[in-house]
Amino acid sequence: MAKGKAAKKKQPTASDRKRTVLKLVLSDTCAVCKTPCARGLRYLASMRQPGAVGRGVPCILTRTYL
């Protein structure tokens, strides 16, 4: 290398970064949550409608990193 030139920094690729994983929780879990979030409350309200079919909502409190 010549004087005065800095080595290029390696850009992190998608596989090098931390991946976050959120667990899917159902409305009964959101109903008893100690720290309710806006997403959970909105899901809980929609599940109270007659005929609602729920598939769960990602819970920010169950976040883990891979």
C-alpha atoms as a PDB file:
ATOM      1  CA  MET A   1       0.000   0.000   0.000  1.00  0.00           C
ATOM      2  CA  ALA A   2       1.122   3.509  -0.671  1.00  0.00           C
ATOM      3  CA  LYS A   3       1.512   5.977   2.148  1.00  0.00           C
ATOM      4  CA  GLY A   4      -1.550   7.951   3.085  1.00  0.00           C
ATOM      5  CA  LYS A   5      -4.097   5.464   1.783  1.00  0.00           C
ATOM      6  CA  ALA A   6      -6.363   3.812   4.296  1.00  0.00           C
ATOM      7  CA  ALA A   7      -7.596   0.284   3.894  1.00  0.00           C
ATOM      8  CA  LYS A   8     -11.216  -0.003   2.854  1.00  0.00           C
ATOM      9  CA  LYS A   9     -13.557  -1.145   5.596  1.00  0.00           C
ATOM     10  CA  LYS A  10     -15.474  -4.309   4.918  1.00  0.00           C
ATOM     11  CA  GLN A  11     -19.222  -3.660   4.740  1.00  0.00           C
ATOM     12  CA  PRO A  12     -21.255  -6.089   6.860  1.00  0.00           C
ATOM     13  CA  THR A  13     -23.350  -8.401   4.742  1.00  0.00           C
ATOM     14  CA  ALA A  14     -26.881  -9.446   5.579  1.00  0.00           C
ATOM     15  CA  SER A  15     -25.643 -12.731   7.018  1.00  0.00           C
ATOM     16  CA  ASP A  16     -23.188 -10.945   9.359  1.00  0.00           C
ATOM     17  CA  ARG A  17     -25.825  -8.817  11.069  1.00  0.00           C
ATOM     18  CA  LYS A  18     -27.908  -9.882  14.038  1.00  0.00           C
ATOM     19  CA  ARG A  19     -31.322 -11.247  13.135  1.00  0.00           C
ATOM     20  CA  THR A  20     -34.244 -10.525  15.404  1.00  0.00           C
ATOM     21  CA  VAL A  21     -36.916 -13.141  15.951  1.00  0.00           C
ATOM     22  CA  LEU A  22     -40.298 -12.331  17.478  1.00  0.00           C
ATOM     23  CA  LYS A  23     -42.638 -15.041  18.727  1.00  0.00           C
ATOM     24  CA  LEU A  24     -46.245 -15.045  17.565  1.00  0.00           C
ATOM     25  CA  VAL A  25     -48.699 -14.726  20.432  1.00  0.00           C
ATOM     26  CA  LEU A  26     -52.460 -15.107  20.457  1.00  0.00           C
ATOM     27  CA  SER A  27     -55.099 -12.812  21.924  1.00  0.00           C
ATOM     28  CA  ASP A  28     -55.256 -14.672  25.243  1.00  0.00           C
ATOM     29  CA  THR A  29     -51.571 -13.903  25.807  1.00  0.00           C
ATOM     30  CA  CYS A  30     -52.113 -10.234  24.941  1.00  0.00           C
ATOM     31  CA  ALA A  31     -55.056 -10.068  27.348  1.00  0.00           C
ATOM     32  CA  VAL A  32     -52.919 -11.011  30.365  1.00  0.00           C
ATOM     33  CA  CYS A  33     -49.764  -9.136  29.343  1.00  0.00           C
ATOM     34  CA  LYS A  34     -48.263  -6.921  32.076  1.00  0.00           C
ATOM     35  CA  THR A  35     -46.917  -4.380  29.569  1.00  0.00           C
ATOM     36  CA  PRO A  36     -49.450  -4.122  26.723  1.00  0.00           C
ATOM     37  CA  CYS A  37     -48.251  -2.612  23.453  1.00  0.00           C
ATOM     38  CA  ALA A  38     -50.253  -0.798  20.776  1.00  0.00           C
ATOM     39  CA  ARG A  39     -49.973  -3.681  18.309  1.00  0.00           C
ATOM     40  CA  GLY A  40     -51.208  -6.198  20.893  1.00  0.00           C
ATOM     41  CA  LEU A  41     -54.114  -4.018  22.000  1.00  0.00           C
ATOM     42  CA  ARG A  42     -55.186  -3.484  18.380  1.00  0.00           C
ATOM     43  CA  TYR A  43     -55.050  -7.252  17.764  1.00  0.00           C
ATOM     44  CA  LEU A  44     -56.954  -7.932  20.979  1.00  0.00           C
ATOM     45  CA  ALA A  45     -59.703  -5.495  19.946  1.00  0.00           C
ATOM     46  CA  SER A  46     -60.016  -7.068  16.501  1.00  0.00           C
ATOM     47  CA  MET A  47     -60.287 -10.553  18.029  1.00  0.00           C
ATOM     48  CA  ARG A  48     -63.252  -9.435  20.137  1.00  0.00           C
ATOM     49  CA  GLN A  49     -65.332  -8.976  16.969  1.00  0.00           C
ATOM     50  CA  PRO A  50     -67.742 -11.844  16.238  1.00  0.00           C
ATOM     51  CA  GLY A  51     -66.387 -14.280  13.659  1.00  0.00           C
ATOM     52  CA  ALA A  52     -62.793 -13.034  13.906  1.00  0.00           C
ATOM     53  CA  VAL A  53     -60.088 -15.491  12.907  1.00  0.00           C
ATOM     54  CA  GLY A  54     -56.696 -14.774  14.436  1.00  0.00           C
ATOM     55  CA  ARG A  55     -53.307 -15.945  13.344  1.00  0.00           C
ATOM     56  CA  GLY A  56     -51.357 -14.265  16.148  1.00  0.00           C
ATOM     57  CA  VAL A  57     -49.300 -11.106  16.346  1.00  0.00           C
ATOM     58  CA  PRO A  58     -45.499 -10.730  16.708  1.00  0.00           C
ATOM     59  CA  CYS A  59     -44.715  -9.818  20.323  1.00  0.00           C
ATOM     60  CA  ILE A  60     -41.890  -7.308  20.815  1.00  0.00           C
ATOM     61  CA  LEU A  61     -41.370  -8.558  24.382  1.00  0.00           C
ATOM     62  CA  THR A  62     -40.275 -11.994  23.106  1.00  0.00           C
ATOM     63  CA  ARG A  63     -37.484 -10.614  20.916  1.00  0.00           C
ATOM     64  CA  THR A  64     -34.383 -12.785  20.605  1.00  0.00           C
ATOM     65  CA  TYR A  65     -31.268 -12.324  18.499  1.00  0.00           C
ATOM     66  CA  LEU A  66     -29.685 -14.982  16.341  1.00  0.00           C
END
